Amino acid sequence: MTTSAPEPDCLFCLIVAGEVPSTIVARTENVVAFEDINPSAPMHVLVVPTTHHGDVSQLAAAAPDVLAELVGVAEQVAGERADGQFRLIFNSGPHAGQTVFHVHAHVLGGTQLGALVG
């Protein structure tokens, strides 16, 4: 789903609005970055747009400039916390591991990350 209004039951919309506590590490007009509550690496930050979009494809179609800003914020956070070395992951759909259906990038770093199949 792509909307500009917050979804009342969306965890990330609630975090963006400040209604659910989180550790914010960066914020712009269009993007919020916060620490993952269940980190998979020493640095594990989630970066989300302030508007609700279900997945990365929907965000790319609706607001490519916001997607570019999201990637820029991810790079900024990694530069501050992981010497600029990071892995950026978008899960799109439940079979890919997406559990919150508000697009979010996982920014992982701070250690040697294992190789992925590819």
Protein backbone atom coordinates (compact mmCIF):
# COMPACT_ATOMS: atom_id res chain seq x y z
CA MET A 1 0.00 0.00 0.00
CA THR A 2 1.21 3.50 -0.84
CA THR A 3 -0.24 6.43 1.05
CA SER A 4 0.91 9.79 2.22
CA ALA A 5 -1.08 9.59 5.45
CA PRO A 6 0.18 7.53 8.37
CA GLU A 7 -1.42 4.13 8.81
CA PRO A 8 -2.85 3.95 12.35
CA ASP A 9 -1.74 0.33 12.91
CA CYS A 10 1.71 0.67 11.30
CA LEU A 11 4.56 0.39 13.81
CA PHE A 12 6.93 2.48 11.70
CA CYS A 13 4.33 5.23 11.14
CA LEU A 14 3.96 5.35 14.93
CA ILE A 15 7.76 5.56 15.40
CA VAL A 16 7.98 8.37 12.80
CA ALA A 17 5.21 10.24 14.66
CA GLY A 18 7.00 9.79 18.00
CA GLU A 19 4.15 7.72 19.43
CA VAL A 20 6.33 4.62 19.91
CA PRO A 21 9.72 5.14 21.54
CA SER A 22 12.85 4.38 19.57
CA THR A 23 16.46 5.47 19.42
CA ILE A 24 16.53 7.91 16.50
CA VAL A 25 19.99 8.25 14.95
CA ALA A 26 19.14 10.54 12.00
CA ARG A 27 16.14 12.48 10.76
CA THR A 28 15.37 14.58 7.71
CA GLU A 29 12.09 15.97 6.47
CA ASN A 30 11.47 12.76 4.50
CA VAL A 31 13.41 10.01 6.29
CA VAL A 32 13.93 8.69 9.82
CA ALA A 33 16.71 6.30 10.90
CA PHE A 34 16.53 4.40 14.18
CA GLU A 35 18.25 1.49 15.89
CA ASP A 36 16.79 -1.96 15.32
CA ILE A 37 15.47 -3.46 18.57
CA ASN A 38 16.77 -6.91 17.59
CA PRO A 39 20.12 -6.17 15.91
CA SER A 40 21.80 -8.65 13.56
CA ALA A 41 25.15 -6.80 13.56
CA PRO A 42 26.97 -4.32 15.82
CA MET A 43 25.39 -1.57 13.72
CA HIS A 44 21.83 -2.37 12.69
CA VAL A 45 19.78 0.68 11.85
CA LEU A 46 16.43 0.87 10.05
CA VAL A 47 15.83 3.76 7.67
CA VAL A 48 12.22 4.55 6.74
CA PRO A 49 10.43 7.25 4.79
CA THR A 50 8.15 9.50 6.81
CA THR A 51 5.32 8.65 4.41
CA HIS A 52 3.77 5.19 4.30
CA HIS A 53 4.74 2.93 1.37
CA GLY A 54 4.36 -0.83 1.60
CA ASP A 55 7.67 -1.84 0.07
CA VAL A 56 10.70 -0.51 -1.80
CA SER A 57 9.11 -0.96 -5.24
CA GLN A 58 6.12 1.14 -4.22
CA LEU A 59 8.41 3.85 -2.84
CA ALA A 60 10.52 3.83 -6.01
CA ALA A 61 7.41 4.26 -8.17
CA ALA A 62 5.77 6.93 -5.99
CA ALA A 63 8.76 8.95 -4.74
CA PRO A 64 12.15 8.03 -6.25
CA ASP A 65 13.67 11.17 -4.74
CA VAL A 66 12.72 9.95 -1.25
CA LEU A 67 14.26 6.54 -2.02
CA ALA A 68 17.48 8.29 -3.04
CA GLU A 69 17.38 10.33 0.18
CA LEU A 70 16.80 7.15 2.20
CA VAL A 71 19.93 5.58 0.65
CA GLY A 72 21.88 8.77 1.36
CA VAL A 73 20.84 8.73 5.01
CA ALA A 74 21.85 5.05 5.21
CA GLU A 75 25.28 5.97 3.86
CA GLN A 76 25.57 8.88 6.32
CA VAL A 77 24.70 6.65 9.29
CA ALA A 78 27.19 4.00 8.14
CA GLY A 79 29.85 6.67 7.76
CA GLU A 80 29.30 7.76 11.35
CA ARG A 81 28.98 4.28 12.87
CA ALA A 82 30.80 1.78 10.63
CA ASP A 83 33.59 3.59 8.73
CA GLY A 84 31.30 3.86 5.70
CA GLN A 85 31.21 0.10 5.16
CA PHE A 86 27.72 -1.35 5.24
CA ARG A 87 25.18 -3.74 3.82
CA LEU A 88 21.82 -2.30 2.76
CA ILE A 89 18.87 -4.72 2.66
CA PHE A 90 15.26 -4.24 1.64
CA ASN A 91 12.89 -7.16 2.26
CA SER A 92 9.85 -7.00 -0.04
CA GLY A 93 6.99 -9.31 0.89
CA PRO A 94 6.47 -11.93 3.57
CA HIS A 95 8.40 -14.66 1.69
CA ALA A 96 11.41 -12.33 1.63
CA GLY A 97 11.20 -11.78 5.38
CA GLN A 98 9.30 -8.48 5.50
CA THR A 99 7.27 -8.35 8.71
CA VAL A 100 6.42 -4.63 8.90
CA PHE A 101 4.78 -3.47 5.69
CA HIS A 102 6.20 0.06 5.69
CA VAL A 103 9.28 0.12 3.47
CA HIS A 104 12.46 0.06 5.49
CA ALA A 105 16.12 -0.46 4.75
CA HIS A 106 18.27 -2.47 7.12
CA VAL A 107 21.72 -0.87 7.40
CA LEU A 108 24.17 -3.42 8.78
CA GLY A 109 27.84 -2.95 9.59
CA GLY A 110 30.45 -2.65 12.29
CA THR A 111 31.89 -6.11 11.68
CA GLN A 112 32.98 -8.43 8.90
CA LEU A 113 29.67 -9.53 7.38
CA GLY A 114 29.39 -13.01 5.91
CA ALA A 115 29.05 -13.53 2.19
CA LEU A 116 25.62 -13.94 0.69
CA VAL A 117 24.71 -16.30 -2.10
CA GLY A 118 24.87 -14.36 -5.32
